[in-house]
Amino acid sequence: MGGAQGGDGSEVVVHPLEPIFDEASRVLVLGTMPSPKSREASFYYGNPQNRFWRVLYALWGLDLDASEPQGPDYVARRAFALERGIALWDVLASCAIRGASDSSIAEAVPNDLGRVLGPAPIERVFTTGSTATRLYRRLLERRCGMPCTPLPSTSPANARMRLPDLVAAYVPLREAAGRAREA
């Protein structure tokens, strides 16, 4: 959902997606704000060039392309995350942003994480990318009383990290989700 266009090419964006979680969610993964392509797809990490889902599937030894031969299956992706105790949302409820450029974010308004932290027994919070980490720490960490574990961005803008590097960096997410499910 877009809003007013700023003189610098930024647009005020109100977060259009509901959080993904259930009563078994133990790990919360927070991005910054859905990209234009994710908003168009109406799903988290919906840009086909974003490697988030590829990384998530690889953490559990699965190949996303083999799992979804006909293209993105958002129902299956949602179920995949929930079956592993992973909740998804974003740090921001709204902001001014140019395209998908996190570095252009202004007028940041945080999401009310109580919507997830209240009903779901979240044990760990992970943030994807440096901007999500910085904004979480500044706007939400004290309020939530839970530190975040930073993970690298899976965005195509993070071209310096290859898929195997990202998968290795995300192992703490798999370990936290696995420990939470065992408890």
N, C-alpha and C. Protein backbone atom coordinates (compact mmCIF):
# COMPACT_ATOMS: atom_id res chain seq x y z
N MET A 1 0.85 -1.16 0.00
CA MET A 1 0.00 0.00 0.00
C MET A 1 0.89 1.22 0.00
N GLY A 2 0.76 2.08 -0.99
CA GLY A 2 1.58 3.27 -1.09
C GLY A 2 0.85 4.47 -0.58
N GLY A 3 1.56 5.58 -0.55
CA GLY A 3 0.97 6.80 -0.06
C GLY A 3 1.49 7.98 -0.85
N ALA A 4 1.63 9.10 -0.17
CA ALA A 4 2.05 10.34 -0.81
C ALA A 4 3.48 10.24 -1.31
N GLN A 5 3.72 10.85 -2.44
CA GLN A 5 5.04 10.89 -3.05
C GLN A 5 5.76 12.12 -2.53
N GLY A 6 7.00 11.94 -2.05
CA GLY A 6 7.80 13.06 -1.58
C GLY A 6 8.59 13.69 -2.71
N GLY A 7 9.09 14.90 -2.48
CA GLY A 7 9.88 15.60 -3.49
C GLY A 7 11.18 14.91 -3.83
N ASP A 8 11.67 14.05 -2.92
CA ASP A 8 12.93 13.33 -3.16
C ASP A 8 12.70 11.97 -3.81
N GLY A 9 11.49 11.70 -4.25
CA GLY A 9 11.17 10.41 -4.87
C GLY A 9 10.74 9.36 -3.87
N SER A 10 10.70 9.73 -2.60
CA SER A 10 10.26 8.76 -1.60
C SER A 10 8.74 8.70 -1.57
N GLU A 11 8.26 7.62 -1.02
CA GLU A 11 6.83 7.37 -0.91
C GLU A 11 6.55 6.96 0.53
N VAL A 12 5.48 7.47 1.11
CA VAL A 12 5.09 7.02 2.43
C VAL A 12 4.37 5.68 2.26
N VAL A 13 4.90 4.66 2.90
CA VAL A 13 4.36 3.30 2.77
C VAL A 13 3.86 2.84 4.12
N VAL A 14 2.63 2.34 4.13
CA VAL A 14 2.06 1.71 5.31
C VAL A 14 2.14 0.20 5.09
N HIS A 15 2.69 -0.48 6.09
CA HIS A 15 2.90 -1.93 5.98
C HIS A 15 1.58 -2.63 5.63
N PRO A 16 1.54 -3.35 4.50
CA PRO A 16 0.29 -3.96 4.07
C PRO A 16 0.07 -5.41 4.48
N LEU A 17 1.07 -6.05 5.07
CA LEU A 17 0.99 -7.49 5.32
C LEU A 17 0.74 -7.79 6.80
N GLU A 18 -0.09 -8.78 7.05
CA GLU A 18 -0.30 -9.25 8.41
C GLU A 18 0.90 -10.09 8.83
N PRO A 19 1.23 -10.09 10.11
CA PRO A 19 2.32 -10.96 10.56
C PRO A 19 1.94 -12.42 10.36
N ILE A 20 2.95 -13.25 10.15
CA ILE A 20 2.75 -14.69 10.05
C ILE A 20 3.25 -15.30 11.36
N PHE A 21 2.35 -15.91 12.10
CA PHE A 21 2.72 -16.56 13.36
C PHE A 21 1.53 -17.42 13.82
N ASP A 22 1.81 -18.28 14.77
CA ASP A 22 0.75 -19.03 15.44
C ASP A 22 1.20 -19.32 16.87
N GLU A 23 0.43 -20.09 17.60
CA GLU A 23 0.74 -20.36 19.01
C GLU A 23 1.98 -21.23 19.19
N ALA A 24 2.52 -21.79 18.11
CA ALA A 24 3.74 -22.59 18.19
C ALA A 24 4.98 -21.80 17.76
N SER A 25 4.81 -20.55 17.37
CA SER A 25 5.94 -19.73 16.91
C SER A 25 6.85 -19.39 18.08
N ARG A 26 8.12 -19.72 17.94
CA ARG A 26 9.09 -19.47 19.00
C ARG A 26 10.20 -18.51 18.57
N VAL A 27 10.34 -18.32 17.26
CA VAL A 27 11.38 -17.47 16.70
C VAL A 27 10.72 -16.43 15.81
N LEU A 28 11.07 -15.17 15.99
CA LEU A 28 10.50 -14.09 15.19
C LEU A 28 11.59 -13.51 14.30
N VAL A 29 11.35 -13.51 13.00
CA VAL A 29 12.27 -12.93 12.02
C VAL A 29 11.66 -11.63 11.52
N LEU A 30 12.41 -10.55 11.69
CA LEU A 30 11.93 -9.23 11.31
C LEU A 30 12.79 -8.62 10.21
N GLY A 31 12.15 -8.26 9.11
CA GLY A 31 12.80 -7.45 8.10
C GLY A 31 12.53 -5.99 8.43
N THR A 32 12.76 -5.12 7.47
CA THR A 32 12.54 -3.70 7.70
C THR A 32 11.13 -3.30 7.27
N MET A 33 10.85 -3.45 5.98
CA MET A 33 9.56 -3.07 5.36
C MET A 33 9.50 -3.86 4.06
N PRO A 34 8.34 -4.39 3.68
CA PRO A 34 8.27 -5.13 2.42
C PRO A 34 8.68 -4.25 1.23
N SER A 35 9.46 -4.82 0.34
CA SER A 35 9.88 -4.12 -0.87
C SER A 35 8.67 -3.92 -1.78
N PRO A 36 8.79 -3.06 -2.79
CA PRO A 36 7.67 -2.92 -3.74
C PRO A 36 7.24 -4.25 -4.35
N LYS A 37 8.20 -5.12 -4.68
CA LYS A 37 7.85 -6.42 -5.28
C LYS A 37 7.17 -7.33 -4.26
N SER A 38 7.58 -7.25 -2.99
CA SER A 38 6.92 -8.04 -1.95
C SER A 38 5.51 -7.52 -1.71
N ARG A 39 5.35 -6.20 -1.74
CA ARG A 39 4.00 -5.63 -1.57
C ARG A 39 3.12 -6.04 -2.74
N GLU A 40 3.68 -6.06 -3.93
CA GLU A 40 2.93 -6.48 -5.13
C GLU A 40 2.52 -7.96 -5.01
N ALA A 41 3.43 -8.79 -4.50
CA ALA A 41 3.15 -10.22 -4.33
C ALA A 41 2.28 -10.48 -3.09
N SER A 42 2.15 -9.48 -2.24
CA SER A 42 1.41 -9.61 -0.97
C SER A 42 1.98 -10.71 -0.10
N PHE A 43 3.33 -10.81 -0.08
CA PHE A 43 3.96 -11.83 0.74
C PHE A 43 5.38 -11.41 1.09
N TYR A 44 5.84 -11.89 2.23
CA TYR A 44 7.18 -11.58 2.71
C TYR A 44 8.25 -12.13 1.78
N TYR A 45 9.24 -11.30 1.52
CA TYR A 45 10.37 -11.68 0.66
C TYR A 45 9.85 -12.20 -0.68
N GLY A 46 8.90 -11.46 -1.25
CA GLY A 46 8.24 -11.86 -2.49
C GLY A 46 8.99 -11.49 -3.75
N ASN A 47 10.08 -10.74 -3.64
CA ASN A 47 10.91 -10.45 -4.81
C ASN A 47 11.62 -11.74 -5.20
N PRO A 48 11.44 -12.22 -6.44
CA PRO A 48 12.07 -13.48 -6.83
C PRO A 48 13.59 -13.46 -6.70
N GLN A 49 14.20 -12.26 -6.70
CA GLN A 49 15.65 -12.16 -6.56
C GLN A 49 16.11 -12.19 -5.10
N ASN A 50 15.16 -12.02 -4.17
CA ASN A 50 15.52 -12.10 -2.76
C ASN A 50 15.75 -13.56 -2.40
N ARG A 51 16.81 -13.83 -1.67
CA ARG A 51 17.20 -15.21 -1.40
C ARG A 51 16.70 -15.75 -0.06
N PHE A 52 15.82 -15.00 0.63
CA PHE A 52 15.37 -15.43 1.95
C PHE A 52 14.79 -16.86 1.93
N TRP A 53 13.86 -17.12 1.05
CA TRP A 53 13.21 -18.44 1.03
C TRP A 53 14.17 -19.52 0.59
N ARG A 54 15.07 -19.21 -0.33
CA ARG A 54 16.10 -20.17 -0.75
C ARG A 54 16.96 -20.56 0.45
N VAL A 55 17.35 -19.54 1.24
CA VAL A 55 18.17 -19.77 2.44
C VAL A 55 17.39 -20.60 3.45
N LEU A 56 16.15 -20.23 3.72
CA LEU A 56 15.34 -20.94 4.71
C LEU A 56 15.19 -22.41 4.35
N TYR A 57 14.84 -22.68 3.10
CA TYR A 57 14.68 -24.07 2.68
C TYR A 57 16.02 -24.82 2.78
N ALA A 58 17.11 -24.18 2.35
CA ALA A 58 18.42 -24.82 2.39
C ALA A 58 18.84 -25.15 3.82
N LEU A 59 18.45 -24.32 4.79
CA LEU A 59 18.78 -24.61 6.19
C LEU A 59 18.23 -25.96 6.63
N TRP A 60 17.14 -26.36 6.04
CA TRP A 60 16.54 -27.66 6.38
C TRP A 60 16.82 -28.70 5.30
N GLY A 61 17.83 -28.45 4.47
CA GLY A 61 18.27 -29.43 3.49
C GLY A 61 17.36 -29.59 2.29
N LEU A 62 16.56 -28.57 1.99
CA LEU A 62 15.63 -28.66 0.87
C LEU A 62 15.99 -27.65 -0.21
N ASP A 63 15.62 -27.97 -1.43
CA ASP A 63 15.85 -27.09 -2.58
C ASP A 63 14.53 -26.41 -2.91
N LEU A 64 14.52 -25.09 -2.82
CA LEU A 64 13.29 -24.34 -3.07
C LEU A 64 12.75 -24.61 -4.47
N ASP A 65 13.63 -24.66 -5.47
CA ASP A 65 13.17 -24.87 -6.85
C ASP A 65 12.52 -26.24 -7.02
N ALA A 66 13.06 -27.25 -6.35
CA ALA A 66 12.46 -28.59 -6.42
C ALA A 66 11.14 -28.62 -5.64
N SER A 67 11.07 -27.82 -4.57
CA SER A 67 9.85 -27.80 -3.75
C SER A 67 8.72 -27.03 -4.42
N GLU A 68 9.09 -26.06 -5.28
CA GLU A 68 8.09 -25.22 -5.94
C GLU A 68 8.35 -25.16 -7.45
N PRO A 69 8.20 -26.28 -8.16
CA PRO A 69 8.55 -26.30 -9.59
C PRO A 69 7.69 -25.36 -10.44
N GLN A 70 6.50 -25.01 -9.98
CA GLN A 70 5.61 -24.14 -10.77
C GLN A 70 5.78 -22.66 -10.40
N GLY A 71 6.73 -22.34 -9.54
CA GLY A 71 6.90 -20.95 -9.11
C GLY A 71 6.51 -20.77 -7.67
N PRO A 72 6.53 -19.52 -7.18
CA PRO A 72 6.29 -19.27 -5.75
C PRO A 72 4.95 -19.81 -5.26
N ASP A 73 5.01 -20.59 -4.21
CA ASP A 73 3.82 -21.12 -3.56
C ASP A 73 3.80 -20.52 -2.16
N TYR A 74 3.12 -19.38 -2.02
CA TYR A 74 3.14 -18.65 -0.76
C TYR A 74 2.42 -19.39 0.36
N VAL A 75 1.44 -20.19 0.03
CA VAL A 75 0.76 -21.00 1.05
C VAL A 75 1.75 -22.02 1.62
N ALA A 76 2.52 -22.64 0.75
CA ALA A 76 3.52 -23.62 1.19
C ALA A 76 4.63 -22.94 1.98
N ARG A 77 5.05 -21.76 1.56
CA ARG A 77 6.11 -21.06 2.28
C ARG A 77 5.65 -20.67 3.68
N ARG A 78 4.43 -20.20 3.78
CA ARG A 78 3.87 -19.83 5.09
C ARG A 78 3.85 -21.06 5.99
N ALA A 79 3.35 -22.18 5.47
CA ALA A 79 3.29 -23.42 6.24
C ALA A 79 4.69 -23.89 6.63
N PHE A 80 5.64 -23.77 5.72
CA PHE A 80 7.03 -24.17 5.98
C PHE A 80 7.58 -23.42 7.19
N ALA A 81 7.39 -22.11 7.21
CA ALA A 81 7.88 -21.30 8.32
C ALA A 81 7.17 -21.69 9.63
N LEU A 82 5.86 -21.77 9.58
CA LEU A 82 5.10 -22.08 10.79
C LEU A 82 5.42 -23.47 11.34
N GLU A 83 5.61 -24.45 10.46
CA GLU A 83 5.94 -25.81 10.92
C GLU A 83 7.27 -25.84 11.67
N ARG A 84 8.12 -24.86 11.43
CA ARG A 84 9.42 -24.79 12.08
C ARG A 84 9.44 -23.79 13.23
N GLY A 85 8.27 -23.28 13.60
CA GLY A 85 8.17 -22.36 14.72
C GLY A 85 8.64 -20.95 14.42
N ILE A 86 8.67 -20.60 13.13
CA ILE A 86 9.19 -19.30 12.71
C ILE A 86 8.03 -18.35 12.41
N ALA A 87 8.06 -17.20 13.04
CA ALA A 87 7.11 -16.12 12.77
C ALA A 87 7.82 -15.08 11.91
N LEU A 88 7.06 -14.40 11.04
CA LEU A 88 7.62 -13.38 10.16
C LEU A 88 6.84 -12.09 10.28
N TRP A 89 7.58 -10.99 10.34
CA TRP A 89 6.97 -9.66 10.27
C TRP A 89 8.08 -8.68 9.96
N ASP A 90 7.81 -7.42 10.16
CA ASP A 90 8.80 -6.39 9.89
C ASP A 90 8.84 -5.41 11.06
N VAL A 91 9.96 -4.71 11.17
CA VAL A 91 10.15 -3.74 12.24
C VAL A 91 9.18 -2.57 12.10
N LEU A 92 8.96 -2.13 10.85
CA LEU A 92 8.22 -0.89 10.64
C LEU A 92 6.76 -1.08 10.24
N ALA A 93 5.92 -0.22 10.80
CA ALA A 93 4.50 -0.15 10.43
C ALA A 93 4.33 0.81 9.26
N SER A 94 5.18 1.83 9.20
CA SER A 94 5.14 2.78 8.09
C SER A 94 6.46 3.54 8.04
N CYS A 95 6.73 4.12 6.89
CA CYS A 95 7.92 4.94 6.72
C CYS A 95 7.85 5.62 5.36
N ALA A 96 8.73 6.60 5.18
CA ALA A 96 8.96 7.17 3.86
C ALA A 96 10.17 6.43 3.31
N ILE A 97 10.07 5.98 2.07
CA ILE A 97 11.15 5.18 1.47
C ILE A 97 11.17 5.39 -0.03
N ARG A 98 12.36 5.34 -0.61
CA ARG A 98 12.52 5.38 -2.07
C ARG A 98 12.69 3.96 -2.57
N GLY A 99 11.71 3.47 -3.30
CA GLY A 99 11.78 2.11 -3.84
C GLY A 99 11.96 1.08 -2.74
N ALA A 100 13.03 0.28 -2.86
CA ALA A 100 13.33 -0.74 -1.86
C ALA A 100 14.58 -0.38 -1.07
N SER A 101 15.00 0.88 -1.13
CA SER A 101 16.25 1.32 -0.52
C SER A 101 16.10 1.57 0.98
N ASP A 102 16.53 0.60 1.78
CA ASP A 102 16.47 0.77 3.23
C ASP A 102 17.24 2.00 3.69
N SER A 103 18.30 2.34 2.97
CA SER A 103 19.11 3.49 3.38
C SER A 103 18.36 4.81 3.23
N SER A 104 17.25 4.80 2.50
CA SER A 104 16.47 6.03 2.31
C SER A 104 15.34 6.19 3.32
N ILE A 105 15.19 5.25 4.24
CA ILE A 105 14.06 5.28 5.18
C ILE A 105 14.10 6.52 6.06
N ALA A 106 12.94 7.18 6.14
CA ALA A 106 12.74 8.32 7.04
C ALA A 106 11.36 8.17 7.66
N GLU A 107 11.10 8.95 8.67
CA GLU A 107 9.77 8.95 9.32
C GLU A 107 9.34 7.54 9.73
N ALA A 108 10.27 6.80 10.30
CA ALA A 108 10.02 5.40 10.69
C ALA A 108 9.07 5.30 11.88
N VAL A 109 8.02 4.51 11.71
CA VAL A 109 7.06 4.22 12.77
C VAL A 109 7.10 2.71 13.00
N PRO A 110 7.39 2.26 14.23
CA PRO A 110 7.53 0.82 14.46
C PRO A 110 6.19 0.10 14.51
N ASN A 111 6.24 -1.19 14.17
CA ASN A 111 5.08 -2.07 14.35
C ASN A 111 4.88 -2.32 15.85
N ASP A 112 3.68 -2.66 16.22
CA ASP A 112 3.38 -3.06 17.59
C ASP A 112 3.64 -4.56 17.70
N LEU A 113 4.84 -4.92 18.11
CA LEU A 113 5.21 -6.34 18.16
C LEU A 113 4.41 -7.11 19.21
N GLY A 114 3.70 -6.40 20.07
CA GLY A 114 2.82 -7.06 21.02
C GLY A 114 1.78 -7.93 20.33
N ARG A 115 1.45 -7.59 19.08
CA ARG A 115 0.49 -8.41 18.31
C ARG A 115 1.00 -9.83 18.14
N VAL A 116 2.33 -10.00 18.09
CA VAL A 116 2.93 -11.33 17.95
C VAL A 116 3.43 -11.83 19.30
N LEU A 117 4.13 -10.96 20.04
CA LEU A 117 4.75 -11.38 21.30
C LEU A 117 3.72 -11.72 22.37
N GLY A 118 2.51 -11.17 22.27
CA GLY A 118 1.47 -11.49 23.24
C GLY A 118 0.98 -12.92 23.09
N PRO A 119 0.45 -13.29 21.93
CA PRO A 119 -0.11 -14.63 21.77
C PRO A 119 0.91 -15.74 21.47
N ALA A 120 2.07 -15.39 20.93
CA ALA A 120 3.06 -16.42 20.58
C ALA A 120 4.19 -16.41 21.60
N PRO A 121 4.65 -17.58 22.02
CA PRO A 121 5.73 -17.66 23.01
C PRO A 121 7.11 -17.49 22.36
N ILE A 122 7.35 -16.33 21.79
CA ILE A 122 8.61 -16.05 21.09
C ILE A 122 9.77 -16.05 22.08
N GLU A 123 10.82 -16.80 21.73
CA GLU A 123 12.01 -16.90 22.58
C GLU A 123 13.19 -16.13 22.02
N ARG A 124 13.24 -15.94 20.71
CA ARG A 124 14.37 -15.24 20.07
C ARG A 124 13.84 -14.37 18.95
N VAL A 125 14.50 -13.22 18.77
CA VAL A 125 14.20 -12.31 17.68
C VAL A 125 15.44 -12.21 16.79
N PHE A 126 15.23 -12.37 15.49
CA PHE A 126 16.29 -12.21 14.50
C PHE A 126 15.89 -11.07 13.57
N THR A 127 16.87 -10.28 13.15
CA THR A 127 16.62 -9.20 12.19
C THR A 127 17.43 -9.47 10.93
N THR A 128 16.81 -9.18 9.78
CA THR A 128 17.47 -9.43 8.50
C THR A 128 17.98 -8.12 7.92
N GLY A 129 19.27 -7.92 8.00
CA GLY A 129 19.90 -6.73 7.44
C GLY A 129 20.22 -5.69 8.49
N SER A 130 21.17 -4.84 8.17
CA SER A 130 21.66 -3.86 9.14
C SER A 130 20.62 -2.80 9.48
N THR A 131 19.79 -2.40 8.52
CA THR A 131 18.78 -1.38 8.81
C THR A 131 17.71 -1.93 9.75
N ALA A 132 17.25 -3.14 9.50
CA ALA A 132 16.27 -3.76 10.40
C ALA A 132 16.85 -3.88 11.81
N THR A 133 18.11 -4.25 11.91
CA THR A 133 18.77 -4.38 13.21
C THR A 133 18.84 -3.03 13.92
N ARG A 134 19.32 -2.02 13.20
CA ARG A 134 19.46 -0.69 13.79
C ARG A 134 18.11 -0.15 14.25
N LEU A 135 17.08 -0.28 13.41
CA LEU A 135 15.76 0.23 13.76
C LEU A 135 15.13 -0.56 14.91
N TYR A 136 15.30 -1.86 14.91
CA TYR A 136 14.78 -2.66 16.02
C TYR A 136 15.42 -2.21 17.33
N ARG A 137 16.75 -2.09 17.32
CA ARG A 137 17.44 -1.70 18.55
C ARG A 137 17.02 -0.31 19.02
N ARG A 138 16.81 0.60 18.09
CA ARG A 138 16.45 1.97 18.46
C ARG A 138 14.98 2.11 18.86
N LEU A 139 14.08 1.41 18.15
CA LEU A 139 12.65 1.64 18.33
C LEU A 139 11.92 0.58 19.15
N LEU A 140 12.44 -0.64 19.21
CA LEU A 140 11.64 -1.73 19.78
C LEU A 140 12.30 -2.56 20.87
N GLU A 141 13.61 -2.65 20.86
CA GLU A 141 14.27 -3.59 21.77
C GLU A 141 13.92 -3.34 23.24
N ARG A 142 14.01 -2.11 23.68
CA ARG A 142 13.71 -1.80 25.08
C ARG A 142 12.25 -2.12 25.40
N ARG A 143 11.37 -1.77 24.49
CA ARG A 143 9.93 -2.01 24.68
C ARG A 143 9.62 -3.51 24.75
N CYS A 144 10.29 -4.29 23.91
CA CYS A 144 10.04 -5.74 23.87
C CYS A 144 10.82 -6.50 24.94
N GLY A 145 11.91 -5.91 25.41
CA GLY A 145 12.72 -6.58 26.42
C GLY A 145 13.45 -7.80 25.89
N MET A 146 13.68 -7.82 24.58
CA MET A 146 14.31 -8.97 23.97
C MET A 146 15.35 -8.47 22.96
N PRO A 147 16.63 -8.80 23.15
CA PRO A 147 17.62 -8.39 22.16
C PRO A 147 17.42 -9.14 20.85
N CYS A 148 17.94 -8.58 19.78
CA CYS A 148 17.84 -9.27 18.49
C CYS A 148 19.19 -9.85 18.11
N THR A 149 19.13 -10.87 17.29
CA THR A 149 20.33 -11.45 16.69
C THR A 149 20.34 -11.00 15.23
N PRO A 150 21.33 -10.21 14.83
CA PRO A 150 21.37 -9.74 13.44
C PRO A 150 21.78 -10.84 12.46
N LEU A 151 21.10 -10.86 11.33
CA LEU A 151 21.43 -11.74 10.22
C LEU A 151 21.68 -10.86 9.01
N PRO A 152 22.48 -11.33 8.05
CA PRO A 152 22.70 -10.51 6.85
C PRO A 152 21.45 -10.44 5.99
N SER A 153 21.37 -9.40 5.22
CA SER A 153 20.26 -9.22 4.29
C SER A 153 20.34 -10.27 3.18
N THR A 154 19.19 -10.78 2.79
CA THR A 154 19.10 -11.72 1.67
C THR A 154 18.70 -11.00 0.39
N SER A 155 18.61 -9.69 0.46
CA SER A 155 18.24 -8.86 -0.69
C SER A 155 19.26 -8.99 -1.80
N PRO A 156 18.82 -8.81 -3.05
CA PRO A 156 19.78 -8.80 -4.15
C PRO A 156 20.80 -7.67 -4.02
N ALA A 157 20.50 -6.65 -3.22
CA ALA A 157 21.45 -5.56 -2.99
C ALA A 157 22.68 -6.05 -2.22
N ASN A 158 22.56 -7.15 -1.51
CA ASN A 158 23.67 -7.74 -0.77
C ASN A 158 24.37 -8.76 -1.66
N ALA A 159 24.92 -8.29 -2.74
CA ALA A 159 25.53 -9.19 -3.74
C ALA A 159 26.86 -9.77 -3.26
N ARG A 160 27.46 -9.19 -2.23
CA ARG A 160 28.76 -9.69 -1.78
C ARG A 160 28.66 -11.06 -1.12
N MET A 161 27.47 -11.43 -0.67
CA MET A 161 27.30 -12.74 -0.04
C MET A 161 26.63 -13.72 -1.00
N ARG A 162 27.32 -14.82 -1.25
CA ARG A 162 26.75 -15.87 -2.08
C ARG A 162 25.78 -16.71 -1.23
N LEU A 163 24.96 -17.50 -1.90
CA LEU A 163 23.96 -18.31 -1.20
C LEU A 163 24.58 -19.18 -0.10
N PRO A 164 25.67 -19.92 -0.36
CA PRO A 164 26.23 -20.75 0.72
C PRO A 164 26.67 -19.91 1.93
N ASP A 165 27.16 -18.68 1.68
CA ASP A 165 27.56 -17.81 2.79
C ASP A 165 26.34 -17.40 3.61
N LEU A 166 25.24 -17.09 2.93
CA LEU A 166 24.01 -16.72 3.63
C LEU A 166 23.47 -17.88 4.45
N VAL A 167 23.47 -19.06 3.85
CA VAL A 167 22.97 -20.25 4.56
C VAL A 167 23.80 -20.45 5.83
N ALA A 168 25.11 -20.34 5.73
CA ALA A 168 25.97 -20.50 6.91
C ALA A 168 25.67 -19.43 7.96
N ALA A 169 25.42 -18.21 7.53
CA ALA A 169 25.14 -17.12 8.46
C ALA A 169 23.79 -17.29 9.16
N TYR A 170 22.87 -18.01 8.52
CA TYR A 170 21.53 -18.21 9.08
C TYR A 170 21.41 -19.46 9.95
N VAL A 171 22.47 -20.23 10.10
CA VAL A 171 22.42 -21.43 10.94
C VAL A 171 21.91 -21.13 12.36
N PRO A 172 22.28 -20.01 12.99
CA PRO A 172 21.72 -19.73 14.32
C PRO A 172 20.19 -19.68 14.34
N LEU A 173 19.56 -19.27 13.24
CA LEU A 173 18.10 -19.27 13.15
C LEU A 173 17.57 -20.70 13.20
N ARG A 174 18.17 -21.58 12.41
CA ARG A 174 17.74 -22.99 12.42
C ARG A 174 17.95 -23.60 13.79
N GLU A 175 19.10 -23.32 14.40
CA GLU A 175 19.38 -23.88 15.73
C GLU A 175 18.38 -23.37 16.76
N ALA A 176 18.07 -22.08 16.72
CA ALA A 176 17.11 -21.51 17.68
C ALA A 176 15.72 -22.09 17.46
N ALA A 177 15.32 -22.24 16.21
CA ALA A 177 14.01 -22.81 15.91
C ALA A 177 13.96 -24.27 16.36
N GLY A 178 15.03 -25.01 16.15
CA GLY A 178 15.09 -26.41 16.56
C GLY A 178 15.05 -26.58 18.06
N ARG A 179 15.81 -25.74 18.79
CA ARG A 179 15.82 -25.81 20.26
C ARG A 179 14.44 -25.46 20.82
N ALA A 180 13.81 -24.47 20.21
CA ALA A 180 12.49 -24.04 20.69
C ALA A 180 11.46 -25.17 20.49
N ARG A 181 11.56 -25.89 19.38
CA ARG A 181 10.58 -26.95 19.11
C ARG A 181 10.82 -28.15 20.04
N GLU A 182 12.06 -28.35 20.49
CA GLU A 182 12.38 -29.46 21.38
C GLU A 182 11.87 -29.19 22.80
N ALA A 183 11.79 -27.92 23.16
CA ALA A 183 11.43 -27.55 24.54
C ALA A 183 9.98 -27.86 24.85
